[in-house]
Amino acid sequence: MLTGQLSWVGLRHEVAPAPTARRRAVLSPADRPAGPAPLDEATRRRLEVLYAKDYSPRLDLTILLRGFRQLGRTA
């Protein structure tokens, strides 16, 4: 449902969420397929900081295509 309650790509692992009512993200730049070892929280946060620092719409599109199968999940 496209009601504006969720963001498709955004920050999900930040330390302290902003006090404003920001939309929750379904996909994060720190999401990845299951590998030999899961990422720890500190690594996920660092990946999201880099995403925010070097943001581009092209990167969002890449994350959407890579995580297409996860779009139905809740944040």
N, C-alpha and C. Protein backbone atom coordinates (compact mmCIF):
# COMPACT_ATOMS: atom_id res chain seq x y z
N MET A 1 0.84 -1.17 0.00
CA MET A 1 0.00 0.00 0.00
C MET A 1 0.89 1.24 0.00
N LEU A 2 0.63 2.17 -0.86
CA LEU A 2 1.44 3.38 -0.98
C LEU A 2 0.75 4.54 -0.26
N THR A 3 0.83 4.54 1.05
CA THR A 3 0.15 5.58 1.83
C THR A 3 1.10 6.62 2.40
N GLY A 4 2.41 6.49 2.15
CA GLY A 4 3.37 7.46 2.64
C GLY A 4 3.82 7.23 4.06
N GLN A 5 3.54 6.07 4.63
CA GLN A 5 3.95 5.80 6.00
C GLN A 5 5.37 5.24 6.06
N LEU A 6 5.86 4.67 4.97
CA LEU A 6 7.19 4.09 4.93
C LEU A 6 8.00 4.71 3.80
N SER A 7 9.29 4.72 3.98
CA SER A 7 10.21 5.14 2.93
C SER A 7 10.80 3.88 2.32
N TRP A 8 11.00 3.83 1.03
CA TRP A 8 11.51 2.62 0.40
C TRP A 8 12.97 2.39 0.78
N VAL A 9 13.79 3.44 0.74
CA VAL A 9 15.20 3.34 1.10
C VAL A 9 15.51 4.42 2.11
N GLY A 10 16.22 4.06 3.16
CA GLY A 10 16.57 5.05 4.17
C GLY A 10 17.41 4.44 5.28
N LEU A 11 17.53 5.17 6.37
CA LEU A 11 18.34 4.75 7.49
C LEU A 11 17.50 3.93 8.46
N ARG A 12 17.96 2.72 8.77
CA ARG A 12 17.24 1.85 9.71
C ARG A 12 18.06 1.51 10.94
N HIS A 13 19.35 1.76 10.90
CA HIS A 13 20.23 1.33 11.99
C HIS A 13 20.93 2.50 12.67
N GLU A 14 20.34 3.68 12.62
CA GLU A 14 20.98 4.84 13.23
C GLU A 14 20.93 4.74 14.75
N VAL A 15 21.89 5.39 15.41
CA VAL A 15 22.01 5.30 16.87
C VAL A 15 20.82 5.94 17.56
N ALA A 16 20.58 7.21 17.29
CA ALA A 16 19.46 7.92 17.91
C ALA A 16 18.63 8.55 16.81
N PRO A 17 17.43 8.05 16.58
CA PRO A 17 16.58 8.64 15.54
C PRO A 17 16.27 10.10 15.84
N ALA A 18 16.13 10.86 14.78
CA ALA A 18 15.80 12.27 14.93
C ALA A 18 14.44 12.41 15.62
N PRO A 19 14.25 13.47 16.39
CA PRO A 19 12.98 13.64 17.11
C PRO A 19 11.79 13.90 16.20
N THR A 20 12.04 14.27 14.97
CA THR A 20 10.92 14.51 14.05
C THR A 20 10.31 13.18 13.64
N ALA A 21 9.10 13.24 13.21
CA ALA A 21 8.40 12.02 12.79
C ALA A 21 8.84 11.67 11.38
N ARG A 22 9.91 10.94 11.28
CA ARG A 22 10.42 10.52 9.98
C ARG A 22 9.82 9.18 9.61
N ARG A 23 9.64 8.97 8.32
CA ARG A 23 9.10 7.70 7.85
C ARG A 23 10.13 6.59 8.04
N ARG A 24 9.67 5.43 8.44
CA ARG A 24 10.54 4.28 8.58
C ARG A 24 10.94 3.75 7.21
N ALA A 25 12.13 3.21 7.10
CA ALA A 25 12.64 2.68 5.83
C ALA A 25 12.41 1.18 5.73
N VAL A 26 12.07 0.73 4.54
CA VAL A 26 11.93 -0.70 4.29
C VAL A 26 13.29 -1.29 3.95
N LEU A 27 14.04 -0.61 3.10
CA LEU A 27 15.38 -1.05 2.71
C LEU A 27 16.43 -0.10 3.26
N SER A 28 17.59 -0.65 3.53
CA SER A 28 18.70 0.13 4.04
C SER A 28 19.93 -0.17 3.19
N PRO A 29 20.86 0.76 3.07
CA PRO A 29 22.09 0.46 2.36
C PRO A 29 22.90 -0.62 3.08
N ALA A 30 22.59 -0.90 4.33
CA ALA A 30 23.31 -1.93 5.09
C ALA A 30 22.69 -3.32 4.91
N ASP A 31 21.57 -3.41 4.20
CA ASP A 31 20.96 -4.72 3.93
C ASP A 31 21.81 -5.43 2.89
N ARG A 32 21.98 -6.72 3.10
CA ARG A 32 22.71 -7.52 2.11
C ARG A 32 22.24 -8.95 2.25
N PRO A 33 22.44 -9.73 1.19
CA PRO A 33 22.06 -11.15 1.29
C PRO A 33 22.86 -11.83 2.39
N ALA A 34 22.32 -12.89 2.91
CA ALA A 34 23.00 -13.63 3.97
C ALA A 34 24.36 -14.10 3.48
N GLY A 35 25.37 -13.77 4.23
CA GLY A 35 26.73 -14.15 3.88
C GLY A 35 27.29 -15.06 4.94
N PRO A 36 28.61 -15.28 4.90
CA PRO A 36 29.22 -16.17 5.88
C PRO A 36 29.09 -15.65 7.31
N ALA A 37 29.11 -14.33 7.48
CA ALA A 37 28.96 -13.75 8.82
C ALA A 37 28.07 -12.52 8.72
N PRO A 38 27.09 -12.38 9.62
CA PRO A 38 26.23 -11.19 9.59
C PRO A 38 27.01 -9.94 9.99
N LEU A 39 26.54 -8.79 9.52
CA LEU A 39 27.17 -7.52 9.88
C LEU A 39 26.78 -7.14 11.29
N ASP A 40 27.70 -6.59 12.05
CA ASP A 40 27.36 -6.11 13.39
C ASP A 40 26.73 -4.72 13.28
N GLU A 41 26.12 -4.25 14.36
CA GLU A 41 25.40 -2.97 14.34
C GLU A 41 26.31 -1.80 14.00
N ALA A 42 27.54 -1.79 14.51
CA ALA A 42 28.46 -0.69 14.23
C ALA A 42 28.77 -0.60 12.73
N THR A 43 28.94 -1.73 12.10
CA THR A 43 29.22 -1.74 10.65
C THR A 43 28.00 -1.27 9.88
N ARG A 44 26.82 -1.70 10.29
CA ARG A 44 25.59 -1.24 9.62
C ARG A 44 25.44 0.28 9.72
N ARG A 45 25.71 0.82 10.90
CA ARG A 45 25.62 2.27 11.09
C ARG A 45 26.63 3.01 10.21
N ARG A 46 27.86 2.48 10.13
CA ARG A 46 28.88 3.12 9.29
C ARG A 46 28.47 3.11 7.83
N LEU A 47 27.88 2.01 7.36
CA LEU A 47 27.42 1.94 5.98
C LEU A 47 26.33 2.98 5.73
N GLU A 48 25.45 3.18 6.68
CA GLU A 48 24.39 4.18 6.52
C GLU A 48 24.93 5.60 6.56
N VAL A 49 25.96 5.84 7.37
CA VAL A 49 26.59 7.18 7.40
C VAL A 49 27.22 7.47 6.03
N LEU A 50 27.91 6.49 5.47
CA LEU A 50 28.50 6.68 4.14
C LEU A 50 27.42 6.91 3.09
N TYR A 51 26.31 6.19 3.20
CA TYR A 51 25.19 6.37 2.28
C TYR A 51 24.67 7.81 2.36
N ALA A 52 24.47 8.30 3.58
CA ALA A 52 23.94 9.65 3.76
C ALA A 52 24.94 10.70 3.28
N LYS A 53 26.20 10.46 3.52
CA LYS A 53 27.25 11.41 3.14
C LYS A 53 27.38 11.52 1.63
N ASP A 54 27.32 10.40 0.94
CA ASP A 54 27.52 10.37 -0.51
C ASP A 54 26.23 10.03 -1.25
N TYR A 55 25.11 10.57 -0.78
CA TYR A 55 23.80 10.23 -1.34
C TYR A 55 23.69 10.60 -2.81
N SER A 56 23.05 9.72 -3.57
CA SER A 56 22.65 10.03 -4.94
C SER A 56 21.41 9.20 -5.26
N PRO A 57 20.53 9.71 -6.10
CA PRO A 57 19.36 8.94 -6.48
C PRO A 57 19.73 7.62 -7.15
N ARG A 58 20.84 7.60 -7.85
CA ARG A 58 21.30 6.38 -8.50
C ARG A 58 21.57 5.28 -7.45
N LEU A 59 22.13 5.68 -6.31
CA LEU A 59 22.39 4.72 -5.24
C LEU A 59 21.08 4.15 -4.70
N ASP A 60 20.06 5.00 -4.54
CA ASP A 60 18.74 4.51 -4.12
C ASP A 60 18.20 3.48 -5.10
N LEU A 61 18.33 3.76 -6.38
CA LEU A 61 17.85 2.83 -7.39
C LEU A 61 18.61 1.50 -7.31
N THR A 62 19.91 1.56 -7.09
CA THR A 62 20.70 0.34 -6.94
C THR A 62 20.23 -0.47 -5.74
N ILE A 63 19.98 0.20 -4.62
CA ILE A 63 19.51 -0.48 -3.42
C ILE A 63 18.13 -1.08 -3.65
N LEU A 64 17.26 -0.36 -4.34
CA LEU A 64 15.93 -0.88 -4.65
C LEU A 64 16.01 -2.14 -5.52
N LEU A 65 16.84 -2.11 -6.53
CA LEU A 65 16.95 -3.27 -7.41
C LEU A 65 17.58 -4.46 -6.69
N ARG A 66 18.57 -4.19 -5.86
CA ARG A 66 19.24 -5.27 -5.13
C ARG A 66 18.31 -5.88 -4.09
N GLY A 67 17.45 -5.06 -3.47
CA GLY A 67 16.56 -5.56 -2.43
C GLY A 67 15.13 -5.73 -2.85
N PHE A 68 14.90 -5.87 -4.16
CA PHE A 68 13.53 -5.94 -4.69
C PHE A 68 12.67 -6.97 -3.99
N ARG A 69 13.23 -8.12 -3.67
CA ARG A 69 12.44 -9.19 -3.04
C ARG A 69 12.02 -8.85 -1.62
N GLN A 70 12.67 -7.89 -1.01
CA GLN A 70 12.36 -7.52 0.37
C GLN A 70 11.38 -6.35 0.47
N LEU A 71 10.89 -5.84 -0.62
CA LEU A 71 10.01 -4.67 -0.59
C LEU A 71 8.69 -4.91 0.11
N GLY A 72 8.22 -6.12 0.22
CA GLY A 72 6.96 -6.41 0.88
C GLY A 72 7.05 -6.49 2.38
N ARG A 73 8.25 -6.49 2.93
CA ARG A 73 8.40 -6.62 4.38
C ARG A 73 8.08 -5.31 5.09
N THR A 74 7.78 -5.40 6.35
CA THR A 74 7.56 -4.19 7.13
C THR A 74 8.88 -3.74 7.71
N ALA A 75 8.98 -2.47 8.00
CA ALA A 75 10.25 -1.89 8.46
C ALA A 75 10.68 -2.43 9.80
